Amino acid sequence: MKAAIYRGTEDIVIQDVPMPEAPAGGMLVKVHGCAVCGSDVRTYFFGNSMITPPWIIGHETAGEIIENNSGNGMQVGQRITVGTAIPCGHCRQCYLGHYTMCENMTAHGFEFPGGYAEYMAIEPYAIQQGVLNCIPEHVNSDEACLTEPLACVLNGQEILNVGLGDRVLVIGTGAIGCMHIQVAHARGAAMVLALELDDRRLAVAKEFADHIANPAKEDPKEFVDRWTKDLGGVNVVIVACGVAKAQMLALELASPRGRICNFGGLPKTDPMSTINANLIHYKELSIFGSFSSNPRQNQQALSLIASGAVNVKPLISKSLPLDLLESAILEMKRGESMKIVIHP
């Protein structure tokens, strides 16, 4: 079969590799699509401590069951999403319900070969942990690929406890930011604002946010005050981009007792962010991190896409063949596309 082999930083080759077999108790899946994630872009340029080249990466995957030896009731020909993170279910963190912090976490595209290939094998361990979900007939496979990043968004908003009456500001309106806007509305936020430097992305966010602004053209504080001052300001700020300045800005814009989520990771070559600790102290701010998702959130994410409660179609810029994976990564790096789905 044809697969994209990540051989190290800025080195991916497309080559023929042996087709995997369906493991005893596992599955063989024909990949319909695998969306390019921001973490794939970071891996391409900076490497990843969880990946040992050469390896098949890609973890936002939808496909079709070709062979099923698991006895789980899913039928050959059924389209499924393949969840990325596979918690063990029995460590201390899993017992506490903190599945994204699993002490024995494994993941497709990392410990197990990923979706940038024509076929992928699903181990029985992954099936037992419930990371597979059937795609409804009316949902196309490209849109289903965004189940995994949407599940990560759900995890972040659960940590923040976004709910009725919240005034939410999303900084960064790439695909993740636009999903955060929609999920905040779905969870009952009274108002959702968005800041973005790229006018092309801002134009997409306009479809979802109540009010938008480009901070290079409009003072962010004046923008936030204009729409929320009489409501008490923005009490939830989600930094949906890996930019240190955005994390610092969040402290300034959050209202007293506000909740902040640094959703986007910073480059590992420059992971430090200088912050004004006095703002945290005197405003009594709460700052949260958010990482990955759990099997329940993957199931919920697919349901949100299927119901139309979250519209991911405008977030998919294009689809490309596997041969153009490197081009897709470079295009994502330049910010020219929001989301690209690779068709092996």
Protein backbone atom coordinates (compact mmCIF):
# COMPACT_ATOMS: atom_id res chain seq x y z
CA MET A 1 0.00 0.00 0.00
CA LYS A 2 1.00 3.63 -0.37
CA ALA A 3 1.90 5.53 2.82
CA ALA A 4 3.51 8.80 3.86
CA ILE A 5 6.59 8.03 5.94
CA TYR A 6 7.80 10.70 8.33
CA ARG A 7 11.58 10.28 8.43
CA GLY A 8 12.47 13.31 10.55
CA THR A 9 12.17 17.09 10.50
CA GLU A 10 11.12 18.42 7.11
CA ASP A 11 11.37 14.95 5.60
CA ILE A 12 8.31 12.99 4.48
CA VAL A 13 8.40 10.50 1.62
CA ILE A 14 5.55 8.69 -0.10
CA GLN A 15 6.41 5.05 -0.65
CA ASP A 16 5.01 1.55 -0.90
CA VAL A 17 4.98 -0.37 2.37
CA PRO A 18 3.52 -3.76 3.31
CA MET A 19 -0.22 -3.65 3.82
CA PRO A 20 -1.10 -4.28 7.49
CA GLU A 21 -3.15 -7.30 8.49
CA ALA A 22 -6.20 -7.19 10.72
CA PRO A 23 -4.92 -8.23 14.18
CA ALA A 24 -6.60 -11.04 16.10
CA GLY A 25 -9.40 -9.25 17.90
CA GLY A 26 -8.78 -6.11 15.85
CA MET A 27 -9.71 -4.50 12.54
CA LEU A 28 -8.39 -3.44 9.17
CA VAL A 29 -9.64 -0.05 8.00
CA LYS A 30 -9.40 1.56 4.57
CA VAL A 31 -8.62 5.23 5.17
CA HIS A 32 -11.03 7.63 3.46
CA GLY A 33 -9.42 10.77 4.81
CA CYS A 34 -7.03 12.15 7.40
CA ALA A 35 -7.05 15.86 8.21
CA VAL A 36 -3.84 17.79 8.75
CA CYS A 37 -3.52 18.90 12.36
CA GLY A 38 -1.45 21.80 13.69
CA SER A 39 0.52 19.23 15.66
CA ASP A 40 1.42 17.50 12.37
CA VAL A 41 2.83 20.83 11.19
CA ARG A 42 4.86 21.20 14.40
CA THR A 43 6.08 17.59 14.11
CA TYR A 44 7.18 18.18 10.53
CA PHE A 45 9.28 21.21 11.45
CA PHE A 46 10.40 20.43 15.00
CA GLY A 47 9.92 16.70 15.61
CA ASN A 48 7.87 15.10 18.36
CA SER A 49 9.13 13.29 21.46
CA MET A 50 6.31 10.74 21.11
CA ILE A 51 7.28 9.77 17.55
CA THR A 52 10.33 7.75 16.53
CA PRO A 53 10.99 7.99 12.77
CA PRO A 54 10.45 6.40 10.37
CA TRP A 55 6.73 6.41 11.13
CA ILE A 56 3.27 6.85 9.64
CA ILE A 57 1.73 9.88 11.33
CA GLY A 58 -1.75 11.41 10.98
CA HIS A 59 -4.47 11.14 13.61
CA GLU A 60 -7.67 12.90 12.45
CA THR A 61 -8.93 9.87 10.59
CA ALA A 62 -12.10 8.51 9.03
CA GLY A 63 -12.30 5.25 7.14
CA GLU A 64 -14.20 2.11 6.24
CA ILE A 65 -14.03 -1.27 7.94
CA ILE A 66 -12.53 -3.87 5.59
CA GLU A 67 -12.15 -6.69 8.11
CA ASN A 68 -13.40 -6.95 11.68
CA ASN A 69 -12.13 -9.66 14.03
CA SER A 70 -13.25 -7.93 17.22
CA GLY A 71 -16.82 -9.16 17.59
CA ASN A 72 -17.93 -5.64 18.54
CA GLY A 73 -20.88 -5.66 16.14
CA MET A 74 -19.55 -3.11 13.64
CA GLN A 75 -20.08 -4.33 10.09
CA VAL A 76 -17.67 -4.59 7.17
CA GLY A 77 -18.36 -1.57 4.94
CA GLN A 78 -19.33 0.63 7.90
CA ARG A 79 -17.59 4.01 7.92
CA ILE A 80 -16.00 4.97 11.24
CA THR A 81 -13.96 7.66 12.91
CA VAL A 82 -10.78 6.51 14.60
CA GLY A 83 -10.17 8.34 17.87
CA THR A 84 -6.60 9.38 18.52
CA ALA A 85 -5.98 9.06 22.26
CA ILE A 86 -6.37 5.63 23.84
CA PRO A 87 -6.45 5.78 27.66
CA CYS A 88 -5.68 2.60 29.56
CA GLY A 89 -8.72 2.88 31.84
CA HIS A 90 -6.99 1.49 34.92
CA CYS A 91 -4.27 3.93 36.05
CA ARG A 92 -4.71 6.48 38.84
CA GLN A 93 -5.63 9.30 36.45
CA CYS A 94 -8.15 7.17 34.57
CA TYR A 95 -9.79 6.12 37.86
CA LEU A 96 -10.15 9.82 38.67
CA GLY A 97 -11.79 10.36 35.28
CA HIS A 98 -8.80 12.35 33.98
CA TYR A 99 -8.42 10.25 30.84
CA THR A 100 -6.34 12.81 28.93
CA MET A 101 -3.74 12.53 31.69
CA CYS A 102 -3.61 8.71 31.48
CA GLU A 103 -0.27 7.43 32.74
CA ASN A 104 -0.20 4.77 30.00
CA MET A 105 -1.66 6.78 27.12
CA THR A 106 -1.14 5.53 23.59
CA ALA A 107 -2.42 7.09 20.38
CA HIS A 108 -2.97 6.49 16.70
CA GLY A 109 -0.35 8.32 14.69
CA PHE A 110 2.04 8.12 17.62
CA GLU A 111 2.48 4.69 19.26
CA PHE A 112 0.27 3.10 16.58
CA PRO A 113 0.63 3.86 12.83
CA GLY A 114 -1.62 6.70 11.73
CA GLY A 115 -3.92 7.74 8.93
CA TYR A 116 -1.58 9.02 6.22
CA ALA A 117 -1.74 5.64 4.51
CA GLU A 118 -4.21 3.69 2.40
CA TYR A 119 -4.97 1.26 5.23
CA MET A 120 -4.48 1.13 8.98
CA ALA A 121 -4.77 -1.70 11.48
CA ILE A 122 -6.77 -1.14 14.67
CA GLU A 123 -5.51 -3.06 17.66
CA PRO A 124 -8.01 -4.80 19.97
CA TYR A 125 -6.78 -2.59 22.82
CA ALA A 126 -8.03 0.51 20.99
CA ILE A 127 -11.40 -1.09 20.22
CA GLN A 128 -11.87 -2.15 23.84
CA GLN A 129 -11.30 1.44 24.99
CA GLY A 130 -14.13 2.68 22.75
CA VAL A 131 -12.28 5.01 20.38
CA LEU A 132 -14.23 3.98 17.24
CA ASN A 133 -17.54 5.59 16.25
CA CYS A 134 -19.87 4.84 13.34
CA ILE A 135 -20.39 7.71 10.92
CA PRO A 136 -24.06 8.39 10.05
CA GLU A 137 -24.88 8.01 6.36
CA HIS A 138 -25.60 11.72 5.84
CA VAL A 139 -22.18 12.83 7.18
CA ASN A 140 -19.39 12.79 4.61
CA SER A 141 -16.02 11.37 5.53
CA ASP A 142 -14.10 14.66 5.20
CA GLU A 143 -16.35 16.32 7.77
CA ALA A 144 -16.09 13.26 10.01
CA CYS A 145 -12.30 13.69 10.05
CA LEU A 146 -12.84 16.81 12.18
CA THR A 147 -14.41 14.72 14.95
CA GLU A 148 -11.07 14.42 16.75
CA PRO A 149 -10.18 18.14 16.89
CA LEU A 150 -13.76 18.94 17.86
CA ALA A 151 -13.47 16.42 20.71
CA CYS A 152 -10.39 18.32 21.91
CA VAL A 153 -12.45 21.52 21.85
CA LEU A 154 -15.11 19.82 23.97
CA ASN A 155 -12.43 18.82 26.47
CA GLY A 156 -11.23 22.41 26.77
CA GLN A 157 -14.71 23.78 27.31
CA GLU A 158 -15.53 21.12 29.87
CA ILE A 159 -12.39 22.11 31.80
CA LEU A 160 -13.49 25.77 31.61
CA ASN A 161 -17.09 24.82 32.45
CA VAL A 162 -18.46 27.16 29.79
CA GLY A 163 -22.17 27.56 30.38
CA LEU A 164 -25.30 29.66 30.50
CA GLY A 165 -24.72 33.40 30.48
CA ASP A 166 -20.96 33.31 29.94
CA ARG A 167 -19.39 36.03 27.81
CA VAL A 168 -16.69 34.27 25.82
CA LEU A 169 -13.76 35.66 23.86
CA VAL A 170 -11.93 33.38 21.42
CA ILE A 171 -8.48 34.55 20.32
CA GLY A 172 -7.53 32.91 17.03
CA THR A 173 -10.14 31.82 14.50
CA GLY A 174 -8.55 28.94 12.68
CA ALA A 175 -10.53 25.72 12.52
CA ILE A 176 -10.10 25.16 16.26
CA GLY A 177 -11.15 28.71 17.13
CA CYS A 178 -14.26 28.50 14.94
CA MET A 179 -15.22 25.23 16.62
CA HIS A 180 -14.71 26.83 20.03
CA ILE A 181 -17.09 29.63 19.04
CA GLN A 182 -19.79 27.17 18.00
CA VAL A 183 -19.39 24.93 21.04
CA ALA A 184 -19.57 27.94 23.39
CA HIS A 185 -22.88 28.90 21.80
CA ALA A 186 -24.10 25.32 22.09
CA ARG A 187 -23.21 25.26 25.79
CA GLY A 188 -25.30 28.37 26.45
CA ALA A 189 -22.89 31.30 26.25
CA ALA A 190 -24.73 34.61 26.12
CA MET A 191 -22.20 36.17 23.75
CA VAL A 192 -19.12 34.99 21.87
CA LEU A 193 -16.55 37.45 20.53
CA ALA A 194 -13.54 36.64 18.35
CA LEU A 195 -10.15 38.22 17.64
CA GLU A 196 -8.00 37.24 14.66
CA LEU A 197 -5.14 38.90 12.76
CA ASP A 198 -5.88 37.11 9.47
CA ASP A 199 -8.84 38.72 7.71
CA ARG A 200 -9.49 35.54 5.70
CA ARG A 201 -9.98 33.51 8.85
CA LEU A 202 -11.94 36.33 10.43
CA ALA A 203 -14.36 36.25 7.50
CA VAL A 204 -15.09 32.57 8.24
CA ALA A 205 -15.50 33.29 11.97
CA LYS A 206 -18.05 35.99 11.18
CA GLU A 207 -20.50 33.20 10.36
CA PHE A 208 -20.29 31.89 13.93
CA ALA A 209 -19.29 34.68 16.34
CA ASP A 210 -21.56 37.48 17.57
CA HIS A 211 -18.85 40.09 16.97
CA ILE A 212 -15.38 39.92 15.43
CA ALA A 213 -12.33 42.20 15.24
CA ASN A 214 -8.79 42.30 13.89
CA PRO A 215 -6.57 43.46 16.79
CA ALA A 216 -4.14 44.99 14.29
CA LYS A 217 -6.90 47.34 13.17
CA GLU A 218 -8.95 47.80 16.35
CA ASP A 219 -7.91 48.04 19.98
CA PRO A 220 -8.85 44.70 21.58
CA LYS A 221 -9.86 46.22 24.92
CA GLU A 222 -12.10 48.80 23.28
CA PHE A 223 -13.66 46.05 21.19
CA VAL A 224 -14.38 43.87 24.23
CA ASP A 225 -15.67 46.80 26.30
CA ARG A 226 -17.99 47.97 23.55
CA TRP A 227 -19.89 44.69 23.50
CA THR A 228 -19.59 43.37 27.06
CA LYS A 229 -18.85 46.21 29.51
CA ASP A 230 -22.48 46.52 30.57
CA LEU A 231 -22.57 42.71 30.98
CA GLY A 232 -19.50 42.53 33.20
CA GLY A 233 -16.87 41.92 30.51
CA VAL A 234 -15.68 38.62 29.08
CA ASN A 235 -15.48 36.09 31.89
CA VAL A 236 -14.12 33.31 29.65
CA VAL A 237 -11.15 33.72 27.28
CA ILE A 238 -9.98 30.88 25.04
CA VAL A 239 -6.58 31.27 23.39
CA ALA A 240 -7.02 29.07 20.33
CA CYS A 241 -3.59 29.72 18.85
CA GLY A 242 -0.05 28.89 19.88
CA VAL A 243 1.09 32.49 20.33
CA ALA A 244 2.64 33.78 23.55
CA LYS A 245 1.43 37.35 22.98
CA ALA A 246 -2.14 36.07 22.72
CA GLN A 247 -1.76 34.32 26.07
CA MET A 248 -0.57 37.58 27.62
CA LEU A 249 -3.44 39.50 26.01
CA ALA A 250 -5.95 37.08 27.52
CA LEU A 251 -4.91 38.17 31.03
CA GLU A 252 -5.57 41.80 30.17
CA LEU A 253 -8.95 41.20 28.56
CA ALA A 254 -10.47 38.74 31.04
CA SER A 255 -12.85 40.22 33.59
CA PRO A 256 -12.21 39.83 37.34
CA ARG A 257 -12.57 36.20 38.39
CA GLY A 258 -12.34 35.28 34.70
CA ARG A 259 -11.40 31.84 33.38
CA ILE A 260 -8.73 31.45 30.71
CA CYS A 261 -7.82 28.40 28.63
CA ASN A 262 -4.46 28.28 26.84
CA PHE A 263 -5.67 25.78 24.26
CA GLY A 264 -2.81 26.11 21.80
CA GLY A 265 0.65 24.84 22.71
CA LEU A 266 3.72 27.00 22.07
CA PRO A 267 6.61 25.80 19.87
CA LYS A 268 8.89 23.52 21.88
CA THR A 269 11.86 25.64 20.74
CA ASP A 270 10.33 28.63 22.55
CA PRO A 271 7.78 27.37 25.07
CA MET A 272 8.02 30.19 27.63
CA SER A 273 5.50 33.02 27.93
CA THR A 274 6.17 36.10 30.08
CA ILE A 275 2.99 37.06 31.91
CA ASN A 276 1.92 39.80 34.28
CA ALA A 277 1.41 37.81 37.47
CA ASN A 278 -0.21 40.81 39.15
CA LEU A 279 -3.16 40.51 36.78
CA ILE A 280 -3.66 36.93 37.92
CA HIS A 281 -3.32 37.97 41.56
CA TYR A 282 -5.46 41.09 41.70
CA LYS A 283 -8.15 39.92 39.25
CA GLU A 284 -8.23 36.44 40.79
CA LEU A 285 -7.97 34.83 37.39
CA SER A 286 -8.03 31.08 36.79
CA ILE A 287 -5.79 29.77 34.00
CA PHE A 288 -6.29 26.29 32.57
CA GLY A 289 -4.48 24.12 30.08
CA SER A 290 -6.25 21.70 27.77
CA PHE A 291 -4.82 18.69 26.00
CA SER A 292 -6.31 15.98 23.81
CA SER A 293 -9.71 14.34 24.40
CA ASN A 294 -11.31 11.14 25.66
CA PRO A 295 -13.48 8.50 23.92
CA ARG A 296 -16.73 9.97 25.27
CA GLN A 297 -15.88 13.38 23.84
CA ASN A 298 -15.14 11.83 20.45
CA GLN A 299 -18.59 10.27 20.43
CA GLN A 300 -20.18 13.57 21.43
CA ALA A 301 -18.19 15.46 18.79
CA LEU A 302 -19.41 13.21 15.99
CA SER A 303 -22.98 13.67 17.25
CA LEU A 304 -22.58 17.46 17.15
CA ILE A 305 -21.33 17.28 13.56
CA ALA A 306 -24.11 14.89 12.54
CA SER A 307 -26.83 17.05 14.11
CA GLY A 308 -25.52 20.26 12.54
CA ALA A 309 -25.02 21.85 15.96
CA VAL A 310 -21.41 22.36 14.91
CA ASN A 311 -20.87 23.13 11.22
CA VAL A 312 -17.39 22.02 10.16
CA LYS A 313 -17.94 22.26 6.41
CA PRO A 314 -16.75 25.91 6.09
CA LEU A 315 -13.58 24.99 7.99
CA ILE A 316 -12.35 22.51 5.36
CA SER A 317 -10.40 24.50 2.80
CA LYS A 318 -9.69 21.62 0.43
CA SER A 319 -8.81 17.96 0.05
CA LEU A 320 -5.56 16.74 -1.48
CA PRO A 321 -4.08 13.37 -2.44
CA LEU A 322 -1.49 11.71 -0.22
CA ASP A 323 1.28 12.66 -2.66
CA LEU A 324 0.72 16.31 -1.74
CA LEU A 325 0.90 15.89 2.05
CA GLU A 326 4.07 17.99 2.35
CA SER A 327 2.48 20.73 0.25
CA ALA A 328 -0.54 20.64 2.56
CA ILE A 329 1.65 20.98 5.64
CA LEU A 330 3.49 23.95 4.14
CA GLU A 331 0.20 25.55 3.14
CA MET A 332 -1.10 25.14 6.69
CA LYS A 333 2.14 26.61 8.04
CA ARG A 334 1.69 29.70 5.86
CA GLY A 335 -1.88 30.08 7.08
CA GLU A 336 -3.30 29.79 3.58
CA SER A 337 -5.78 27.06 4.54
CA MET A 338 -7.78 26.39 7.68
CA LYS A 339 -8.09 22.63 7.36
CA ILE A 340 -6.89 20.27 4.64
CA VAL A 341 -8.06 16.67 4.39
CA ILE A 342 -5.64 14.16 2.84
CA HIS A 343 -7.13 11.36 0.72
CA PRO A 344 -4.71 8.38 0.63
